[in-house]
Amino acid sequence: MGGQRASTLLRAPVFVRGIRLGEVESVLLDPSAVRILGFDVLCGDGSNRFLPFATARLKGAAIEIDSTLMLLGRRELEFYRSRGRALTTVPELAEALVAPDGALVVQLPARC
């Protein structure tokens, strides 16, 4: 499986049509599945917003979205923060690969 590691999403810049909106401050995970729910994005205006994973496209070291309307407000961000868990609290998932649907795939060490 190809893909990027979950840890590379931390501090990833978020763009809409080539305009930088902010950067990922936290990757929020589903509390009951090994899957990314979305991102806590620190925007250029100093506020944090929630970006659902389903609305984001991973493009190398960056994240692209189609519209600023994909960035949800403080209320939604608090909802997902309170119900999810931050990637930084689950260090064993930092090197997991991100599947297209947001699932995190842990690679087992190769056997000799």
N, C-alpha and C. Protein backbone atom coordinates (compact mmCIF):
# COMPACT_ATOMS: atom_id res chain seq x y z
N MET A 1 0.84 -1.18 0.00
CA MET A 1 0.00 0.00 0.00
C MET A 1 0.89 1.24 0.00
N GLY A 2 0.62 2.16 -0.90
CA GLY A 2 1.32 3.45 -0.91
C GLY A 2 0.63 4.38 0.05
N GLY A 3 1.10 5.57 0.16
CA GLY A 3 0.45 6.55 1.01
C GLY A 3 1.43 7.24 1.91
N GLN A 4 0.93 8.27 2.55
CA GLN A 4 1.82 9.01 3.44
C GLN A 4 1.57 8.64 4.88
N ARG A 5 2.54 8.91 5.69
CA ARG A 5 2.44 8.58 7.12
C ARG A 5 1.59 9.63 7.82
N ALA A 6 0.85 9.18 8.81
CA ALA A 6 -0.05 10.07 9.56
C ALA A 6 0.69 11.25 10.17
N SER A 7 1.90 11.01 10.66
CA SER A 7 2.66 12.08 11.32
C SER A 7 3.01 13.23 10.37
N THR A 8 3.05 12.96 9.05
CA THR A 8 3.38 14.03 8.09
C THR A 8 2.25 15.04 7.94
N LEU A 9 1.08 14.70 8.45
CA LEU A 9 -0.05 15.62 8.34
C LEU A 9 0.01 16.74 9.38
N LEU A 10 0.74 16.51 10.46
CA LEU A 10 0.90 17.57 11.46
C LEU A 10 1.70 18.71 10.84
N ARG A 11 1.21 19.91 10.96
CA ARG A 11 1.81 21.12 10.40
C ARG A 11 1.69 21.21 8.88
N ALA A 12 0.92 20.31 8.27
CA ALA A 12 0.72 20.39 6.82
C ALA A 12 -0.05 21.66 6.48
N PRO A 13 0.37 22.38 5.45
CA PRO A 13 -0.38 23.57 5.04
C PRO A 13 -1.69 23.18 4.37
N VAL A 14 -2.70 24.02 4.53
CA VAL A 14 -4.02 23.80 3.93
C VAL A 14 -4.24 24.89 2.89
N PHE A 15 -4.58 24.48 1.66
CA PHE A 15 -4.75 25.41 0.56
C PHE A 15 -6.13 25.29 -0.07
N VAL A 16 -6.63 26.40 -0.60
CA VAL A 16 -7.79 26.41 -1.48
C VAL A 16 -7.37 27.19 -2.73
N ARG A 17 -7.44 26.54 -3.88
CA ARG A 17 -7.04 27.14 -5.15
C ARG A 17 -5.69 27.87 -5.06
N GLY A 18 -4.72 27.25 -4.42
CA GLY A 18 -3.37 27.81 -4.33
C GLY A 18 -3.16 28.85 -3.24
N ILE A 19 -4.20 29.20 -2.52
CA ILE A 19 -4.09 30.18 -1.44
C ILE A 19 -3.97 29.44 -0.11
N ARG A 20 -2.91 29.77 0.62
CA ARG A 20 -2.69 29.11 1.92
C ARG A 20 -3.66 29.69 2.96
N LEU A 21 -4.45 28.80 3.57
CA LEU A 21 -5.42 29.21 4.58
C LEU A 21 -4.89 29.05 6.00
N GLY A 22 -4.00 28.09 6.19
CA GLY A 22 -3.49 27.81 7.53
C GLY A 22 -2.72 26.51 7.52
N GLU A 23 -2.59 25.92 8.72
CA GLU A 23 -1.88 24.65 8.82
C GLU A 23 -2.52 23.77 9.87
N VAL A 24 -2.31 22.47 9.70
CA VAL A 24 -2.88 21.49 10.61
C VAL A 24 -2.17 21.58 11.96
N GLU A 25 -2.95 21.82 12.99
CA GLU A 25 -2.42 21.86 14.35
C GLU A 25 -2.57 20.51 15.04
N SER A 26 -3.62 19.77 14.66
CA SER A 26 -3.86 18.46 15.27
C SER A 26 -4.63 17.58 14.29
N VAL A 27 -4.28 16.30 14.27
CA VAL A 27 -5.02 15.31 13.49
C VAL A 27 -5.95 14.62 14.48
N LEU A 28 -7.25 14.68 14.22
CA LEU A 28 -8.24 14.12 15.14
C LEU A 28 -8.72 12.76 14.64
N LEU A 29 -8.65 11.79 15.52
CA LEU A 29 -8.98 10.40 15.19
C LEU A 29 -10.32 9.99 15.76
N ASP A 30 -10.94 9.04 15.09
CA ASP A 30 -12.17 8.43 15.57
C ASP A 30 -11.83 7.68 16.86
N PRO A 31 -12.62 7.83 17.92
CA PRO A 31 -12.30 7.16 19.19
C PRO A 31 -12.52 5.65 19.15
N SER A 32 -13.33 5.16 18.21
CA SER A 32 -13.64 3.73 18.20
C SER A 32 -13.09 2.99 16.98
N ALA A 33 -12.44 3.70 16.08
CA ALA A 33 -11.86 3.07 14.89
C ALA A 33 -10.51 3.73 14.61
N VAL A 34 -9.67 3.03 13.90
CA VAL A 34 -8.35 3.56 13.56
C VAL A 34 -8.50 4.33 12.25
N ARG A 35 -9.05 5.54 12.38
CA ARG A 35 -9.41 6.35 11.21
C ARG A 35 -9.33 7.84 11.57
N ILE A 36 -8.96 8.64 10.58
CA ILE A 36 -8.92 10.09 10.78
C ILE A 36 -10.32 10.66 10.58
N LEU A 37 -10.78 11.42 11.57
CA LEU A 37 -12.05 12.14 11.43
C LEU A 37 -11.85 13.44 10.67
N GLY A 38 -10.76 14.13 11.01
CA GLY A 38 -10.50 15.42 10.39
C GLY A 38 -9.32 16.11 11.04
N PHE A 39 -9.24 17.40 10.80
CA PHE A 39 -8.07 18.17 11.22
C PHE A 39 -8.49 19.43 11.98
N ASP A 40 -7.72 19.75 12.98
CA ASP A 40 -7.83 21.04 13.68
C ASP A 40 -6.85 21.95 12.95
N VAL A 41 -7.39 22.93 12.23
CA VAL A 41 -6.58 23.80 11.39
C VAL A 41 -6.46 25.18 12.04
N LEU A 42 -5.22 25.62 12.24
CA LEU A 42 -4.97 26.99 12.70
C LEU A 42 -4.93 27.85 11.46
N CYS A 43 -5.92 28.73 11.33
CA CYS A 43 -6.05 29.56 10.14
C CYS A 43 -5.25 30.86 10.25
N GLY A 44 -5.07 31.51 9.13
CA GLY A 44 -4.30 32.74 9.07
C GLY A 44 -4.84 33.86 9.93
N ASP A 45 -6.13 33.82 10.26
CA ASP A 45 -6.71 34.87 11.11
C ASP A 45 -6.55 34.57 12.60
N GLY A 46 -5.81 33.47 12.91
CA GLY A 46 -5.55 33.13 14.30
C GLY A 46 -6.59 32.23 14.94
N SER A 47 -7.65 31.90 14.22
CA SER A 47 -8.68 31.03 14.79
C SER A 47 -8.49 29.60 14.31
N ASN A 48 -8.98 28.67 15.12
CA ASN A 48 -8.92 27.25 14.77
C ASN A 48 -10.27 26.83 14.22
N ARG A 49 -10.23 25.98 13.19
CA ARG A 49 -11.44 25.46 12.58
C ARG A 49 -11.27 23.97 12.32
N PHE A 50 -12.41 23.28 12.18
CA PHE A 50 -12.39 21.84 11.91
C PHE A 50 -12.53 21.59 10.42
N LEU A 51 -11.65 20.75 9.89
CA LEU A 51 -11.71 20.34 8.49
C LEU A 51 -11.98 18.84 8.45
N PRO A 52 -13.18 18.41 8.03
CA PRO A 52 -13.48 16.99 7.95
C PRO A 52 -12.56 16.30 6.93
N PHE A 53 -12.08 15.12 7.26
CA PHE A 53 -11.18 14.39 6.37
C PHE A 53 -11.84 14.17 5.00
N ALA A 54 -13.12 13.88 4.98
CA ALA A 54 -13.82 13.57 3.73
C ALA A 54 -13.80 14.72 2.74
N THR A 55 -13.57 15.94 3.20
CA THR A 55 -13.56 17.10 2.30
C THR A 55 -12.16 17.51 1.87
N ALA A 56 -11.16 16.80 2.36
CA ALA A 56 -9.76 17.16 2.11
C ALA A 56 -9.13 16.22 1.09
N ARG A 57 -8.18 16.78 0.34
CA ARG A 57 -7.36 15.97 -0.56
C ARG A 57 -5.91 16.10 -0.13
N LEU A 58 -5.28 14.96 0.12
CA LEU A 58 -3.87 14.96 0.50
C LEU A 58 -3.05 15.07 -0.77
N LYS A 59 -2.23 16.12 -0.84
CA LYS A 59 -1.40 16.37 -2.02
C LYS A 59 0.04 16.53 -1.56
N GLY A 60 0.77 15.41 -1.49
CA GLY A 60 2.15 15.47 -1.01
C GLY A 60 2.18 15.92 0.43
N ALA A 61 2.89 17.00 0.70
CA ALA A 61 3.03 17.51 2.07
C ALA A 61 1.96 18.54 2.40
N ALA A 62 0.95 18.67 1.55
CA ALA A 62 -0.09 19.68 1.76
C ALA A 62 -1.48 19.04 1.70
N ILE A 63 -2.47 19.83 2.12
CA ILE A 63 -3.87 19.44 2.04
C ILE A 63 -4.59 20.49 1.21
N GLU A 64 -5.40 20.04 0.26
CA GLU A 64 -6.17 20.95 -0.58
C GLU A 64 -7.65 20.75 -0.31
N ILE A 65 -8.39 21.86 -0.35
CA ILE A 65 -9.84 21.81 -0.23
C ILE A 65 -10.44 22.65 -1.36
N ASP A 66 -11.70 22.40 -1.68
CA ASP A 66 -12.35 23.11 -2.78
C ASP A 66 -12.91 24.46 -2.38
N SER A 67 -13.22 24.63 -1.10
CA SER A 67 -13.86 25.87 -0.66
C SER A 67 -13.54 26.14 0.81
N THR A 68 -13.49 27.40 1.16
CA THR A 68 -13.29 27.76 2.57
C THR A 68 -14.48 27.31 3.42
N LEU A 69 -15.61 27.04 2.78
CA LEU A 69 -16.79 26.57 3.52
C LEU A 69 -16.58 25.18 4.12
N MET A 70 -15.53 24.49 3.67
CA MET A 70 -15.21 23.17 4.23
C MET A 70 -14.65 23.30 5.65
N LEU A 71 -14.14 24.47 5.99
CA LEU A 71 -13.59 24.71 7.33
C LEU A 71 -14.73 25.10 8.27
N LEU A 72 -15.06 24.21 9.18
CA LEU A 72 -16.18 24.42 10.10
C LEU A 72 -15.74 25.23 11.31
N GLY A 73 -16.68 25.86 11.97
CA GLY A 73 -16.39 26.78 13.07
C GLY A 73 -16.01 26.14 14.39
N ARG A 74 -15.86 27.01 15.38
CA ARG A 74 -15.41 26.64 16.72
C ARG A 74 -16.30 25.59 17.37
N ARG A 75 -17.59 25.73 17.19
CA ARG A 75 -18.55 24.80 17.81
C ARG A 75 -18.33 23.37 17.31
N GLU A 76 -18.19 23.22 15.99
CA GLU A 76 -17.95 21.90 15.41
C GLU A 76 -16.57 21.37 15.82
N LEU A 77 -15.58 22.25 15.84
CA LEU A 77 -14.24 21.84 16.26
C LEU A 77 -14.28 21.30 17.69
N GLU A 78 -14.95 21.97 18.59
CA GLU A 78 -15.05 21.51 19.98
C GLU A 78 -15.78 20.17 20.07
N PHE A 79 -16.79 20.00 19.23
CA PHE A 79 -17.52 18.73 19.19
C PHE A 79 -16.56 17.58 18.88
N TYR A 80 -15.77 17.72 17.82
CA TYR A 80 -14.85 16.65 17.42
C TYR A 80 -13.66 16.52 18.35
N ARG A 81 -13.20 17.61 18.92
CA ARG A 81 -12.12 17.52 19.91
C ARG A 81 -12.58 16.73 21.13
N SER A 82 -13.82 16.96 21.57
CA SER A 82 -14.31 16.31 22.78
C SER A 82 -14.65 14.84 22.57
N ARG A 83 -14.97 14.46 21.35
CA ARG A 83 -15.35 13.08 21.08
C ARG A 83 -14.26 12.25 20.41
N GLY A 84 -13.30 12.92 19.82
CA GLY A 84 -12.21 12.22 19.15
C GLY A 84 -10.98 12.17 20.04
N ARG A 85 -9.87 11.78 19.43
CA ARG A 85 -8.60 11.78 20.14
C ARG A 85 -7.54 12.30 19.17
N ALA A 86 -6.57 12.99 19.70
CA ALA A 86 -5.51 13.56 18.89
C ALA A 86 -4.49 12.49 18.54
N LEU A 87 -3.96 12.56 17.33
CA LEU A 87 -2.92 11.62 16.90
C LEU A 87 -1.75 11.62 17.87
N THR A 88 -1.41 12.76 18.42
CA THR A 88 -0.27 12.86 19.33
C THR A 88 -0.47 12.07 20.62
N THR A 89 -1.71 11.69 20.93
CA THR A 89 -1.97 10.89 22.13
C THR A 89 -1.89 9.39 21.86
N VAL A 90 -1.66 9.04 20.59
CA VAL A 90 -1.57 7.64 20.19
C VAL A 90 -0.28 7.48 19.36
N PRO A 91 0.87 7.56 20.03
CA PRO A 91 2.14 7.57 19.29
C PRO A 91 2.38 6.36 18.40
N GLU A 92 1.77 5.22 18.74
CA GLU A 92 1.97 4.03 17.92
C GLU A 92 1.33 4.16 16.53
N LEU A 93 0.48 5.17 16.34
CA LEU A 93 -0.14 5.38 15.03
C LEU A 93 0.56 6.46 14.20
N ALA A 94 1.55 7.12 14.75
CA ALA A 94 2.23 8.22 14.05
C ALA A 94 2.82 7.78 12.71
N GLU A 95 3.32 6.56 12.64
CA GLU A 95 3.95 6.09 11.40
C GLU A 95 3.02 5.23 10.55
N ALA A 96 1.74 5.16 10.94
CA ALA A 96 0.77 4.41 10.15
C ALA A 96 0.55 5.13 8.81
N LEU A 97 0.22 4.36 7.79
CA LEU A 97 -0.06 4.93 6.48
C LEU A 97 -1.53 5.34 6.41
N VAL A 98 -1.79 6.44 5.73
CA VAL A 98 -3.14 6.96 5.59
C VAL A 98 -3.75 6.40 4.31
N ALA A 99 -4.84 5.64 4.45
CA ALA A 99 -5.56 5.10 3.30
C ALA A 99 -6.45 6.20 2.72
N PRO A 100 -6.89 6.05 1.47
CA PRO A 100 -7.73 7.07 0.85
C PRO A 100 -9.01 7.41 1.63
N ASP A 101 -9.52 6.46 2.40
CA ASP A 101 -10.74 6.71 3.18
C ASP A 101 -10.45 7.23 4.59
N GLY A 102 -9.17 7.49 4.90
CA GLY A 102 -8.81 8.01 6.21
C GLY A 102 -8.41 6.95 7.22
N ALA A 103 -8.58 5.69 6.85
CA ALA A 103 -8.14 4.61 7.76
C ALA A 103 -6.63 4.66 7.92
N LEU A 104 -6.16 4.34 9.11
CA LEU A 104 -4.73 4.28 9.37
C LEU A 104 -4.29 2.83 9.35
N VAL A 105 -3.30 2.53 8.52
CA VAL A 105 -2.84 1.17 8.32
C VAL A 105 -1.45 1.05 8.94
N VAL A 106 -1.37 0.23 9.97
CA VAL A 106 -0.08 0.01 10.65
C VAL A 106 0.66 -1.09 9.91
N GLN A 107 1.88 -0.77 9.51
CA GLN A 107 2.69 -1.77 8.84
C GLN A 107 3.49 -2.55 9.86
N LEU A 108 3.41 -3.85 9.75
CA LEU A 108 4.16 -4.72 10.65
C LEU A 108 5.58 -4.87 10.13
N PRO A 109 6.55 -5.03 11.05
CA PRO A 109 7.93 -5.20 10.61
C PRO A 109 8.07 -6.43 9.71
N ALA A 110 8.96 -6.33 8.75
CA ALA A 110 9.20 -7.45 7.83
C ALA A 110 9.82 -8.61 8.60
N ARG A 111 9.43 -9.81 8.23
CA ARG A 111 10.00 -11.01 8.86
C ARG A 111 11.19 -11.48 8.05
N CYS A 112 12.13 -12.06 8.74
CA CYS A 112 13.33 -12.61 8.07
C CYS A 112 13.05 -13.98 7.54
